[in-house]
Amino acid sequence: MDASSSSAVLSRLTLDLRGTRFVIERETLMHLPESVLLCLFPNGLVLTRQNQGLGGLDDPEDEEEEEVYMVDFDPQCLSYVLSFFKSAQEDFYGTPNRPGKYRGLRQQPSSDFNDNSFMSGGGGAGLSSNPLLNKQAIIVLREELEYFVIPPKATSKLDGDGREGTNLEGKATNALLKLKHSAGEALLQRRHIFTALQRNVNKENNMAEQHLIDMLCMSGFSRDDLWGFRAVEPTRCSITSIALVLLKTGIRFGPNDGPANPNEEEVDFMDGVRVDHTQLSTAQKLLLFWRKPARKCWWDGVDIVVPHTSASASSAEQDGSAALAQQAADEAEGADMNATTAGMTGKEVELLRSKGGRKCRVWARRVWTLELSLI
């Protein structure tokens, strides 16, 4: 590579995420999950300077200028990912002022990630080439949720500003926009990771999905875990969520590296390293998702509770007050009973109890992306 080509390669990038700027080192950027990089750079990642002079030569004045990439991505989500990866890296490798748990194995020859000999299990040379011995593994789970609100008939037939529907031009009325916003806020508070997928398992009796939940919970997640980051996308009926956990590998590098599992068989490997082969076998299954994100999509129909508006409260008088009043009473009576199965939050249950809220049907298209990162 000649001098001009070397100078054109960017060592760091400046990103503008919806008004928030990040200056990220090239090496840090390349360690990010593939699924996150695709969101940051949907048209591909460019690591060379774009504004070069005539003949492909860099202008010395241009080198001092900051080249900013505009990115449509939530800055808080990127901050969460960067913070987690930095903490995991420091814990694994250590810092100049604090040794890491696994620093002793960094001097070993680096493993060839394309060598699958470690997948055969057992010890010896196959295990020594396992990348889990000298790399920190992180499970990355993302959810992209698009939701569609079904307005109640009572309010969708109203005239005027209270109509939760579309106008003559086919555009959503202000009342419908408010309903969509309230629905997004209700879904946003449902932060438990596995509730929706477990509901789908119970409905469809899908054992493959149950095995997925079990595998993730054996590898680092807990069944009652919450999304690490969750936010409604601006101007869209969409919610983005992400959760990161350290992969449980069953490898202990010393007495200070967490307690041993008394129920599992451990064997000495080298330099005091102990390996739980049962746990390692589960961890190796997730290595299949390294640089190869897997996606799952399904539809989920669920009732949510949104606050009453003046229009929805007065609709009882216009369209059968007795029937609607009885419906509200039934919903309030069954609030506690349905809270667990429907995944309702405490706020939703309280709205039903006090008759200050109403149920609305929401259809959600959920897309999960599962990936393993090695740093």
Protein backbone atom coordinates (compact mmCIF):
# COMPACT_ATOMS: atom_id res chain seq x y z
CA MET A 1 0.00 0.00 0.00
CA ASP A 2 1.51 3.34 -1.03
CA ALA A 3 1.61 6.49 1.08
CA SER A 4 -1.42 8.07 -0.58
CA SER A 5 -3.53 4.95 0.04
CA SER A 6 -2.44 4.78 3.67
CA SER A 7 -3.39 8.37 4.34
CA ALA A 8 -6.81 7.79 2.77
CA VAL A 9 -7.70 5.05 5.27
CA LEU A 10 -9.60 6.49 8.22
CA SER A 11 -8.32 5.57 11.68
CA ARG A 12 -11.45 7.00 13.27
CA LEU A 13 -14.90 8.03 12.13
CA THR A 14 -17.12 10.88 13.25
CA LEU A 15 -20.78 9.91 13.25
CA ASP A 16 -23.76 12.21 13.68
CA LEU A 17 -26.61 10.19 15.14
CA ARG A 18 -29.73 12.36 15.05
CA GLY A 19 -27.78 15.38 16.30
CA THR A 20 -25.44 13.56 18.69
CA ARG A 21 -21.83 13.13 17.55
CA PHE A 22 -19.62 10.13 18.22
CA VAL A 23 -15.92 9.84 17.41
CA ILE A 24 -15.21 6.12 17.13
CA GLU A 25 -11.90 4.39 16.53
CA ARG A 26 -11.80 2.12 13.49
CA GLU A 27 -10.86 -0.91 15.60
CA THR A 28 -13.76 -0.28 17.99
CA LEU A 29 -16.16 0.04 15.09
CA MET A 30 -15.06 -3.25 13.55
CA HIS A 31 -15.74 -5.06 16.84
CA LEU A 32 -19.40 -4.01 16.86
CA PRO A 33 -22.05 -6.64 16.03
CA GLU A 34 -22.81 -7.16 12.35
CA SER A 35 -26.50 -6.42 12.94
CA VAL A 36 -25.67 -3.04 14.51
CA LEU A 37 -23.23 -2.14 11.71
CA LEU A 38 -25.94 -2.87 9.15
CA CYS A 39 -28.22 -0.40 10.92
CA LEU A 40 -25.48 2.23 11.12
CA PHE A 41 -24.35 1.77 7.52
CA PRO A 42 -27.19 0.22 5.47
CA ASN A 43 -25.34 1.08 2.24
CA GLY A 44 -22.04 -0.38 3.38
CA LEU A 45 -19.21 0.77 5.62
CA VAL A 46 -16.64 3.07 4.01
CA LEU A 47 -13.33 3.40 5.86
CA THR A 48 -11.52 5.59 3.35
CA ARG A 49 -11.59 9.36 3.01
CA GLN A 50 -14.23 10.46 0.52
CA ASN A 51 -13.18 14.03 -0.34
CA GLN A 52 -9.87 13.52 -2.16
CA GLY A 53 -8.18 16.02 -4.45
CA LEU A 54 -7.56 15.70 -8.19
CA GLY A 55 -5.77 12.58 -9.34
CA GLY A 56 -6.74 10.72 -6.16
CA LEU A 57 -4.26 12.69 -4.05
CA ASP A 58 -5.23 14.05 -0.67
CA ASP A 59 -5.20 17.77 -0.11
CA PRO A 60 -3.27 18.48 3.14
CA GLU A 61 -5.96 20.96 4.13
CA ASP A 62 -8.68 18.30 3.66
CA GLU A 63 -6.88 15.94 6.04
CA GLU A 64 -7.47 18.38 8.87
CA GLU A 65 -11.16 18.71 8.08
CA GLU A 66 -13.56 16.51 9.99
CA GLU A 67 -15.58 14.19 7.78
CA VAL A 68 -18.96 13.55 9.41
CA TYR A 69 -21.24 10.63 8.54
CA MET A 70 -24.94 11.26 9.07
CA VAL A 71 -26.58 8.16 10.58
CA ASP A 72 -30.27 7.54 11.34
CA PHE A 73 -29.79 5.52 14.53
CA ASP A 74 -30.67 6.11 18.17
CA PRO A 75 -27.63 7.62 19.93
CA GLN A 76 -28.60 6.14 23.30
CA CYS A 77 -28.67 2.67 21.76
CA LEU A 78 -25.15 3.08 20.40
CA SER A 79 -23.97 4.45 23.76
CA TYR A 80 -25.39 1.35 25.48
CA VAL A 81 -23.60 -0.98 23.05
CA LEU A 82 -20.27 0.86 23.23
CA SER A 83 -20.38 1.03 27.04
CA PHE A 84 -21.15 -2.68 27.38
CA PHE A 85 -18.43 -3.73 24.94
CA LYS A 86 -15.85 -1.50 26.61
CA SER A 87 -16.69 -2.86 30.06
CA ALA A 88 -16.58 -6.46 28.78
CA GLN A 89 -13.24 -5.87 27.07
CA GLU A 90 -11.65 -4.32 30.14
CA ASP A 91 -12.93 -7.10 32.36
CA PHE A 92 -11.52 -9.74 30.01
CA TYR A 93 -8.16 -8.22 29.04
CA GLY A 94 -7.64 -5.79 31.88
CA THR A 95 -6.36 -2.21 31.81
CA PRO A 96 -2.94 -0.68 32.47
CA ASN A 97 -4.03 -0.17 36.08
CA ARG A 98 -6.04 -3.34 36.62
CA PRO A 99 -5.26 -6.85 35.40
CA GLY A 100 -8.01 -8.77 33.67
CA LYS A 101 -9.16 -12.22 34.68
CA TYR A 102 -7.86 -13.77 31.49
CA ARG A 103 -4.72 -11.75 30.79
CA GLY A 104 -2.49 -14.80 31.31
CA LEU A 105 -3.81 -16.50 28.16
CA ARG A 106 -3.30 -13.54 25.86
CA GLN A 107 0.29 -14.63 25.23
CA GLN A 108 -0.83 -17.85 23.59
CA PRO A 109 -0.92 -18.05 19.79
CA SER A 110 -4.19 -16.64 18.50
CA SER A 111 -6.65 -19.23 17.27
CA ASP A 112 -7.79 -19.58 13.69
CA PHE A 113 -11.52 -18.78 13.74
CA ASN A 114 -11.99 -20.80 10.55
CA ASP A 115 -10.65 -23.95 12.20
CA ASN A 116 -13.65 -25.92 13.46
CA SER A 117 -11.61 -28.63 15.16
CA PHE A 118 -12.74 -27.37 18.55
CA MET A 119 -16.33 -28.23 17.68
CA SER A 120 -15.56 -31.92 18.17
CA GLY A 121 -15.42 -31.43 21.95
CA GLY A 122 -13.04 -33.00 24.40
CA GLY A 123 -9.67 -31.65 25.39
CA GLY A 124 -6.24 -31.53 23.82
CA ALA A 125 -5.39 -29.59 20.69
CA GLY A 126 -9.03 -29.18 19.67
CA LEU A 127 -9.90 -27.36 22.88
CA SER A 128 -6.74 -25.24 22.81
CA SER A 129 -7.84 -23.77 19.46
CA ASN A 130 -11.28 -22.83 20.82
CA PRO A 131 -11.71 -19.04 20.43
CA LEU A 132 -13.71 -18.95 23.65
CA LEU A 133 -10.42 -19.47 25.51
CA ASN A 134 -8.87 -16.19 24.42
CA LYS A 135 -11.81 -14.06 23.29
CA GLN A 136 -14.67 -12.48 25.21
CA ALA A 137 -17.99 -13.67 23.77
CA ILE A 138 -21.11 -11.49 23.92
CA ILE A 139 -24.64 -12.57 22.99
CA VAL A 140 -26.45 -9.86 21.03
CA LEU A 141 -30.25 -10.02 20.83
CA ARG A 142 -32.19 -7.31 18.98
CA GLU A 143 -35.90 -6.85 18.41
CA GLU A 144 -37.53 -4.63 15.81
CA LEU A 145 -41.23 -4.29 16.55
CA GLU A 146 -43.74 -2.68 14.20
CA TYR A 147 -47.20 -2.23 15.71
CA PHE A 148 -50.62 -1.59 14.21
CA VAL A 149 -53.44 -0.33 16.43
CA ILE A 150 -57.04 -1.40 15.86
CA PRO A 151 -59.26 1.47 17.11
CA PRO A 152 -62.43 0.47 18.99
CA LYS A 153 -65.57 0.65 16.87
CA ALA A 154 -67.18 3.12 19.26
CA THR A 155 -64.50 5.77 18.63
CA SER A 156 -63.77 4.92 14.99
CA LYS A 157 -67.37 5.85 14.06
CA LEU A 158 -67.42 9.20 15.86
CA ASP A 159 -67.65 12.45 13.94
CA GLY A 160 -65.35 15.40 14.48
CA ASP A 161 -62.06 15.58 16.38
CA GLY A 162 -62.78 12.48 18.46
CA ARG A 163 -62.80 10.13 15.49
CA GLU A 164 -60.00 7.56 15.77
CA GLY A 165 -59.69 6.83 12.08
CA THR A 166 -58.84 8.60 8.84
CA ASN A 167 -60.27 11.74 7.30
CA LEU A 168 -61.61 12.20 3.78
CA GLU A 169 -58.05 12.53 2.48
CA GLY A 170 -57.07 9.18 3.97
CA LYS A 171 -54.82 10.73 6.63
CA ALA A 172 -54.90 9.78 10.28
CA THR A 173 -56.90 12.10 12.51
CA ASN A 174 -55.34 13.69 15.58
CA ALA A 175 -57.29 11.28 17.77
CA LEU A 176 -55.83 8.29 15.91
CA LEU A 177 -52.33 9.73 16.15
CA LYS A 178 -52.77 10.11 19.91
CA LEU A 179 -54.00 6.52 20.13
CA LYS A 180 -50.91 5.29 18.24
CA HIS A 181 -48.68 7.29 20.57
CA SER A 182 -50.42 5.87 23.65
CA ALA A 183 -50.11 2.35 22.23
CA GLY A 184 -46.40 2.87 21.66
CA GLU A 185 -45.91 4.05 25.23
CA ALA A 186 -47.79 1.03 26.57
CA LEU A 187 -45.71 -1.41 24.51
CA LEU A 188 -42.53 0.42 25.48
CA GLN A 189 -43.13 -0.36 29.15
CA ARG A 190 -43.41 -4.08 28.44
CA ARG A 191 -39.69 -4.65 28.80
CA HIS A 192 -39.51 -8.37 29.54
CA ILE A 193 -37.54 -10.07 26.79
CA PHE A 194 -39.15 -13.49 26.58
CA THR A 195 -42.82 -12.74 27.38
CA ALA A 196 -43.93 -12.34 23.75
CA LEU A 197 -42.00 -15.35 22.45
CA GLN A 198 -43.17 -17.55 25.34
CA ARG A 199 -46.75 -16.48 24.59
CA ASN A 200 -46.23 -17.61 20.99
CA VAL A 201 -44.77 -20.92 22.20
CA ASN A 202 -47.81 -21.54 24.39
CA LYS A 203 -50.17 -20.69 21.54
CA GLU A 204 -48.46 -22.62 18.74
CA ASN A 205 -46.76 -25.32 20.85
CA ASN A 206 -43.58 -24.54 18.91
CA MET A 207 -40.84 -26.63 20.53
CA ALA A 208 -38.10 -25.07 18.40
CA GLU A 209 -38.89 -21.66 19.94
CA GLN A 210 -38.95 -23.22 23.41
CA HIS A 211 -35.51 -24.73 22.78
CA LEU A 212 -34.27 -21.28 21.71
CA ILE A 213 -35.46 -19.73 24.97
CA ASP A 214 -33.92 -22.57 27.00
CA MET A 215 -30.59 -22.28 25.18
CA LEU A 216 -30.39 -18.52 25.68
CA CYS A 217 -31.26 -18.85 29.36
CA MET A 218 -28.56 -21.50 29.81
CA SER A 219 -26.01 -19.28 28.05
CA GLY A 220 -26.35 -16.03 29.98
CA PHE A 221 -29.92 -14.71 29.95
CA SER A 222 -32.51 -15.15 32.69
CA ARG A 223 -36.17 -15.85 31.99
CA ASP A 224 -37.25 -12.61 33.65
CA ASP A 225 -34.56 -10.43 32.02
CA LEU A 226 -35.44 -6.99 30.65
CA TRP A 227 -34.28 -5.34 27.46
CA GLY A 228 -31.10 -3.35 28.10
CA PHE A 229 -32.27 -0.63 25.70
CA ARG A 230 -35.79 -0.05 24.38
CA ALA A 231 -37.17 3.03 22.62
CA VAL A 232 -39.89 4.13 20.21
CA GLU A 233 -38.55 5.24 16.84
CA PRO A 234 -39.43 8.87 16.05
CA THR A 235 -42.35 9.43 13.64
CA ARG A 236 -42.85 5.67 13.25
CA CYS A 237 -44.98 3.00 14.89
CA SER A 238 -41.87 1.02 15.66
CA ILE A 239 -39.92 0.05 18.77
CA THR A 240 -36.27 -0.98 18.78
CA SER A 241 -34.85 -3.10 21.61
CA ILE A 242 -31.47 -4.67 22.29
CA ALA A 243 -30.03 -6.82 25.07
CA LEU A 244 -26.39 -7.82 25.59
CA VAL A 245 -25.07 -10.50 27.94
CA LEU A 246 -21.74 -12.22 28.42
CA LEU A 247 -21.77 -15.79 27.13
CA LYS A 248 -21.45 -18.43 29.84
CA THR A 249 -18.69 -20.65 28.47
CA GLY A 250 -18.03 -22.94 31.42
CA ILE A 251 -14.37 -21.88 31.35
CA ARG A 252 -12.84 -20.70 34.63
CA PHE A 253 -9.38 -19.18 34.52
CA GLY A 254 -8.69 -19.22 38.23
CA PRO A 255 -10.17 -19.31 41.74
CA ASN A 256 -11.24 -15.66 41.45
CA ASP A 257 -13.17 -16.24 38.23
CA GLY A 258 -16.54 -16.95 39.78
CA PRO A 259 -17.77 -19.97 41.75
CA ALA A 260 -17.62 -23.48 40.36
CA ASN A 261 -20.83 -25.29 39.45
CA PRO A 262 -21.06 -28.23 41.88
CA ASN A 263 -23.58 -30.04 39.66
CA GLU A 264 -21.38 -30.18 36.58
CA GLU A 265 -18.23 -32.11 35.82
CA GLU A 266 -15.10 -29.98 35.46
CA VAL A 267 -11.68 -31.01 34.17
CA ASP A 268 -8.29 -29.33 34.39
CA PHE A 269 -7.03 -28.11 31.06
CA MET A 270 -3.85 -26.04 31.41
CA ASP A 271 -2.35 -23.39 33.67
CA GLY A 272 -5.12 -23.86 36.23
CA VAL A 273 -7.90 -23.41 33.68
CA ARG A 274 -10.95 -25.54 34.44
CA VAL A 275 -13.58 -26.42 31.86
CA ASP A 276 -17.20 -27.42 32.37
CA HIS A 277 -17.73 -29.37 29.14
CA THR A 278 -21.52 -29.47 29.50
CA GLN A 279 -21.71 -25.67 29.60
CA LEU A 280 -19.02 -25.33 26.92
CA SER A 281 -21.01 -27.60 24.61
CA THR A 282 -24.01 -25.24 24.87
CA ALA A 283 -21.78 -22.20 24.34
CA GLN A 284 -20.27 -23.71 21.19
CA LYS A 285 -23.73 -23.93 19.62
CA LEU A 286 -23.94 -20.15 19.77
CA LEU A 287 -20.62 -19.87 17.92
CA LEU A 288 -22.65 -20.72 14.82
CA PHE A 289 -24.06 -17.17 15.06
CA TRP A 290 -20.63 -15.50 15.04
CA ARG A 291 -20.65 -13.11 12.05
CA LYS A 292 -23.77 -14.91 10.88
CA PRO A 293 -26.81 -13.23 12.49
CA ALA A 294 -29.97 -15.33 12.52
CA ARG A 295 -33.41 -13.76 12.24
CA LYS A 296 -36.85 -14.84 13.33
CA CYS A 297 -40.11 -13.06 12.50
CA TRP A 298 -43.60 -13.61 13.87
CA TRP A 299 -46.90 -11.80 14.38
CA ASP A 300 -48.19 -11.19 17.87
CA GLY A 301 -51.72 -10.02 18.65
CA VAL A 302 -52.11 -8.52 22.11
CA ASP A 303 -54.46 -6.28 24.07
CA ILE A 304 -53.00 -3.15 25.62
CA VAL A 305 -54.52 -0.58 27.95
CA VAL A 306 -54.44 3.09 27.02
CA PRO A 307 -55.84 6.07 28.96
CA HIS A 308 -59.33 7.26 28.17
CA THR A 309 -59.67 10.40 26.10
CA SER A 310 -62.58 12.78 26.39
CA ALA A 311 -63.95 11.36 23.16
CA SER A 312 -63.68 7.72 24.20
CA ALA A 313 -65.25 8.50 27.57
CA SER A 314 -68.20 10.29 25.97
CA SER A 315 -68.65 7.61 23.28
CA ALA A 316 -70.59 5.52 25.78
CA GLU A 317 -73.39 8.05 25.68
CA GLN A 318 -73.46 8.03 21.88
CA ASP A 319 -73.23 4.29 21.26
CA GLY A 320 -74.86 2.24 23.97
CA SER A 321 -73.76 3.43 27.38
CA ALA A 322 -75.06 0.35 29.24
CA ALA A 323 -73.13 -2.16 27.08
CA LEU A 324 -69.91 -0.17 27.20
CA ALA A 325 -70.23 0.41 30.92
CA GLN A 326 -70.64 -3.33 31.46
CA GLN A 327 -67.60 -3.99 29.24
CA ALA A 328 -65.53 -1.56 31.30
CA ALA A 329 -66.68 -3.23 34.51
CA ASP A 330 -65.75 -6.68 33.17
CA GLU A 331 -62.29 -5.43 32.13
CA ALA A 332 -61.73 -3.90 35.55
CA GLU A 333 -62.80 -7.10 37.29
CA GLY A 334 -60.46 -9.26 35.19
CA ALA A 335 -57.50 -6.88 35.31
CA ASP A 336 -55.48 -8.82 37.89
CA MET A 337 -56.34 -12.22 36.39
CA ASN A 338 -55.23 -11.26 32.87
CA ALA A 339 -52.18 -9.25 33.86
CA THR A 340 -49.77 -12.19 33.83
CA THR A 341 -50.95 -13.87 30.64
CA ALA A 342 -51.28 -10.63 28.70
CA GLY A 343 -47.99 -9.21 29.94
CA MET A 344 -49.68 -6.10 31.32
CA THR A 345 -47.67 -3.64 33.34
CA GLY A 346 -48.75 -2.35 36.73
CA LYS A 347 -49.78 0.94 35.16
CA GLU A 348 -52.11 -0.84 32.72
CA VAL A 349 -53.69 -2.90 35.48
CA GLU A 350 -54.28 0.21 37.56
CA LEU A 351 -55.93 1.98 34.61
CA LEU A 352 -58.37 -0.91 34.23
CA ARG A 353 -59.08 -1.08 37.96
CA SER A 354 -59.88 2.61 38.14
CA LYS A 355 -61.78 2.52 34.84
CA GLY A 356 -59.47 5.26 33.63
CA GLY A 357 -58.30 3.21 30.66
CA ARG A 358 -59.62 1.02 27.88
CA LYS A 359 -58.37 -2.01 26.03
CA CYS A 360 -57.20 -1.74 22.45
CA ARG A 361 -56.09 -4.51 20.13
CA VAL A 362 -52.57 -4.22 18.72
CA TRP A 363 -50.94 -6.40 16.10
CA ALA A 364 -47.17 -6.44 16.32
CA ARG A 365 -44.69 -7.75 13.79
CA ARG A 366 -41.62 -8.77 15.76
CA VAL A 367 -38.24 -9.46 14.17
CA TRP A 368 -35.54 -10.94 16.39
CA THR A 369 -31.87 -10.94 15.40
CA LEU A 370 -29.53 -13.25 17.33
CA GLU A 371 -25.78 -12.86 16.99
CA LEU A 372 -22.56 -13.67 18.82
CA SER A 373 -19.69 -11.17 18.98
CA LEU A 374 -16.08 -11.96 19.88
CA ILE A 375 -13.82 -9.20 21.15
